[in-house]
Amino acid sequence: MAFRYFNGVDLFAIDGLSHSTILSITSEIGPEGFNKFKTAKQFSSWLRLVPNNKVRGKDTQ
């Protein structure tokens, strides 16, 4: 069902994704949700899978 829902993309081919994970993503972004993100990096960032690269404080060397 998910294969048809995502236009032939097999999300189960990604290691670590389960049925519940795919259902959660689908319920959050909707059927056209993946089209909202221009790149995979933007989608990963939205999922908070990308570390924050902001530097705080100052270097003391």
N, C-alpha and C. Protein backbone atom coordinates (compact mmCIF):
# COMPACT_ATOMS: atom_id res chain seq x y z
N MET A 1 0.83 -1.20 0.00
CA MET A 1 0.00 0.00 0.00
C MET A 1 0.87 1.26 0.00
N ALA A 2 1.90 1.28 0.86
CA ALA A 2 2.78 2.45 0.91
C ALA A 2 3.51 2.64 -0.41
N PHE A 3 3.84 1.55 -1.09
CA PHE A 3 4.51 1.62 -2.39
C PHE A 3 3.65 2.38 -3.38
N ARG A 4 2.37 2.11 -3.43
CA ARG A 4 1.45 2.83 -4.32
C ARG A 4 1.23 4.26 -3.85
N TYR A 5 1.14 4.44 -2.55
CA TYR A 5 0.86 5.76 -1.97
C TYR A 5 1.97 6.76 -2.29
N PHE A 6 3.22 6.28 -2.32
CA PHE A 6 4.36 7.16 -2.59
C PHE A 6 4.87 7.03 -4.02
N ASN A 7 3.96 6.78 -4.93
CA ASN A 7 4.25 6.76 -6.37
C ASN A 7 5.39 5.82 -6.74
N GLY A 8 5.38 4.62 -6.20
CA GLY A 8 6.38 3.63 -6.57
C GLY A 8 7.67 3.69 -5.79
N VAL A 9 7.76 4.53 -4.78
CA VAL A 9 8.96 4.61 -3.94
C VAL A 9 8.80 3.64 -2.78
N ASP A 10 9.76 2.75 -2.63
CA ASP A 10 9.71 1.75 -1.57
C ASP A 10 10.44 2.26 -0.33
N LEU A 11 9.70 2.86 0.59
CA LEU A 11 10.31 3.40 1.80
C LEU A 11 10.82 2.31 2.73
N PHE A 12 10.31 1.09 2.56
CA PHE A 12 10.78 -0.02 3.39
C PHE A 12 12.19 -0.47 3.01
N ALA A 13 12.69 0.00 1.87
CA ALA A 13 14.06 -0.31 1.47
C ALA A 13 15.08 0.45 2.32
N ILE A 14 14.63 1.47 3.02
CA ILE A 14 15.51 2.26 3.89
C ILE A 14 15.65 1.53 5.22
N ASP A 15 16.88 1.21 5.59
CA ASP A 15 17.12 0.52 6.86
C ASP A 15 16.61 1.35 8.02
N GLY A 16 15.90 0.71 8.93
CA GLY A 16 15.43 1.38 10.14
C GLY A 16 14.02 1.90 10.07
N LEU A 17 13.42 1.92 8.88
CA LEU A 17 12.04 2.38 8.77
C LEU A 17 11.08 1.21 8.95
N SER A 18 10.12 1.40 9.82
CA SER A 18 9.12 0.37 10.07
C SER A 18 7.76 0.88 9.59
N HIS A 19 6.76 0.02 9.70
CA HIS A 19 5.40 0.42 9.32
C HIS A 19 4.95 1.64 10.12
N SER A 20 5.21 1.63 11.42
CA SER A 20 4.76 2.74 12.26
C SER A 20 5.48 4.03 11.93
N THR A 21 6.75 3.95 11.57
CA THR A 21 7.50 5.16 11.19
C THR A 21 6.93 5.77 9.92
N ILE A 22 6.65 4.93 8.95
CA ILE A 22 6.10 5.42 7.68
C ILE A 22 4.70 5.99 7.89
N LEU A 23 3.90 5.36 8.73
CA LEU A 23 2.57 5.90 9.04
C LEU A 23 2.68 7.25 9.74
N SER A 24 3.64 7.40 10.63
CA SER A 24 3.83 8.67 11.34
C SER A 24 4.22 9.78 10.39
N ILE A 25 5.18 9.48 9.51
CA ILE A 25 5.62 10.49 8.53
C ILE A 25 4.45 10.88 7.63
N THR A 26 3.72 9.89 7.16
CA THR A 26 2.58 10.14 6.28
C THR A 26 1.52 11.00 6.96
N SER A 27 1.24 10.71 8.21
CA SER A 27 0.21 11.48 8.92
C SER A 27 0.66 12.92 9.18
N GLU A 28 1.96 13.14 9.29
CA GLU A 28 2.47 14.49 9.54
C GLU A 28 2.52 15.35 8.29
N ILE A 29 2.96 14.79 7.18
CA ILE A 29 3.18 15.62 5.99
C ILE A 29 2.09 15.48 4.93
N GLY A 30 1.26 14.46 5.02
CA GLY A 30 0.18 14.30 4.05
C GLY A 30 0.64 13.68 2.75
N PRO A 31 -0.31 13.48 1.85
CA PRO A 31 0.01 12.78 0.60
C PRO A 31 0.99 13.54 -0.30
N GLU A 32 0.95 14.83 -0.31
CA GLU A 32 1.85 15.62 -1.16
C GLU A 32 2.99 16.24 -0.36
N GLY A 33 3.19 15.76 0.83
CA GLY A 33 4.17 16.35 1.74
C GLY A 33 5.59 16.33 1.25
N PHE A 34 5.99 15.26 0.57
CA PHE A 34 7.37 15.19 0.10
C PHE A 34 7.66 16.25 -0.95
N ASN A 35 6.65 16.71 -1.63
CA ASN A 35 6.84 17.76 -2.64
C ASN A 35 7.10 19.13 -2.01
N LYS A 36 6.85 19.27 -0.73
CA LYS A 36 7.09 20.53 -0.04
C LYS A 36 8.57 20.81 0.16
N PHE A 37 9.38 19.77 0.09
CA PHE A 37 10.81 19.89 0.32
C PHE A 37 11.55 19.78 -1.00
N LYS A 38 12.45 20.75 -1.24
CA LYS A 38 13.17 20.76 -2.51
C LYS A 38 14.24 19.68 -2.56
N THR A 39 14.85 19.38 -1.41
CA THR A 39 15.93 18.39 -1.39
C THR A 39 15.73 17.41 -0.23
N ALA A 40 16.44 16.31 -0.32
CA ALA A 40 16.42 15.33 0.77
C ALA A 40 17.04 15.92 2.04
N LYS A 41 18.01 16.83 1.86
CA LYS A 41 18.63 17.49 3.02
C LYS A 41 17.62 18.33 3.79
N GLN A 42 16.75 19.02 3.07
CA GLN A 42 15.72 19.83 3.74
C GLN A 42 14.74 18.94 4.49
N PHE A 43 14.38 17.82 3.89
CA PHE A 43 13.47 16.89 4.55
C PHE A 43 14.12 16.29 5.79
N SER A 44 15.38 15.91 5.69
CA SER A 44 16.10 15.36 6.84
C SER A 44 16.22 16.38 7.96
N SER A 45 16.43 17.62 7.60
CA SER A 45 16.51 18.68 8.59
C SER A 45 15.17 18.87 9.28
N TRP A 46 14.08 18.82 8.51
CA TRP A 46 12.75 18.96 9.09
C TRP A 46 12.46 17.81 10.07
N LEU A 47 12.97 16.64 9.76
CA LEU A 47 12.81 15.49 10.65
C LEU A 47 13.71 15.58 11.88
N ARG A 48 14.59 16.57 11.89
CA ARG A 48 15.58 16.78 12.95
C ARG A 48 16.58 15.63 13.02
N LEU A 49 16.94 15.12 11.85
CA LEU A 49 17.97 14.09 11.76
C LEU A 49 19.34 14.68 11.48
N VAL A 50 19.37 15.97 11.16
CA VAL A 50 20.61 16.66 10.83
C VAL A 50 21.07 17.44 12.06
N PRO A 51 22.33 17.30 12.43
CA PRO A 51 22.80 18.04 13.61
C PRO A 51 22.81 19.54 13.36
N ASN A 52 22.62 20.28 14.42
CA ASN A 52 22.64 21.73 14.35
C ASN A 52 24.10 22.19 14.31
N ASN A 53 24.46 22.98 13.32
CA ASN A 53 25.84 23.41 13.15
C ASN A 53 26.11 24.81 13.70
N LYS A 54 25.16 25.37 14.40
CA LYS A 54 25.38 26.70 14.96
C LYS A 54 26.45 26.63 16.04
N VAL A 55 27.35 27.62 16.05
CA VAL A 55 28.44 27.66 17.02
C VAL A 55 28.07 28.68 18.08
N ARG A 56 28.14 28.26 19.32
CA ARG A 56 27.82 29.16 20.42
C ARG A 56 29.07 29.43 21.23
N GLY A 57 29.13 30.59 21.81
CA GLY A 57 30.30 30.94 22.61
C GLY A 57 31.46 31.32 21.74
N LYS A 58 32.60 31.44 22.34
CA LYS A 58 33.78 31.78 21.55
C LYS A 58 34.89 30.80 21.88
N ASP A 59 35.78 30.67 20.92
CA ASP A 59 36.91 29.75 21.11
C ASP A 59 37.90 30.33 22.11
N THR A 60 38.36 29.51 23.00
CA THR A 60 39.40 29.94 23.94
C THR A 60 40.62 29.08 23.68
N GLN A 61 41.54 29.63 22.95
CA GLN A 61 42.75 28.85 22.61
C GLN A 61 43.96 29.44 23.24
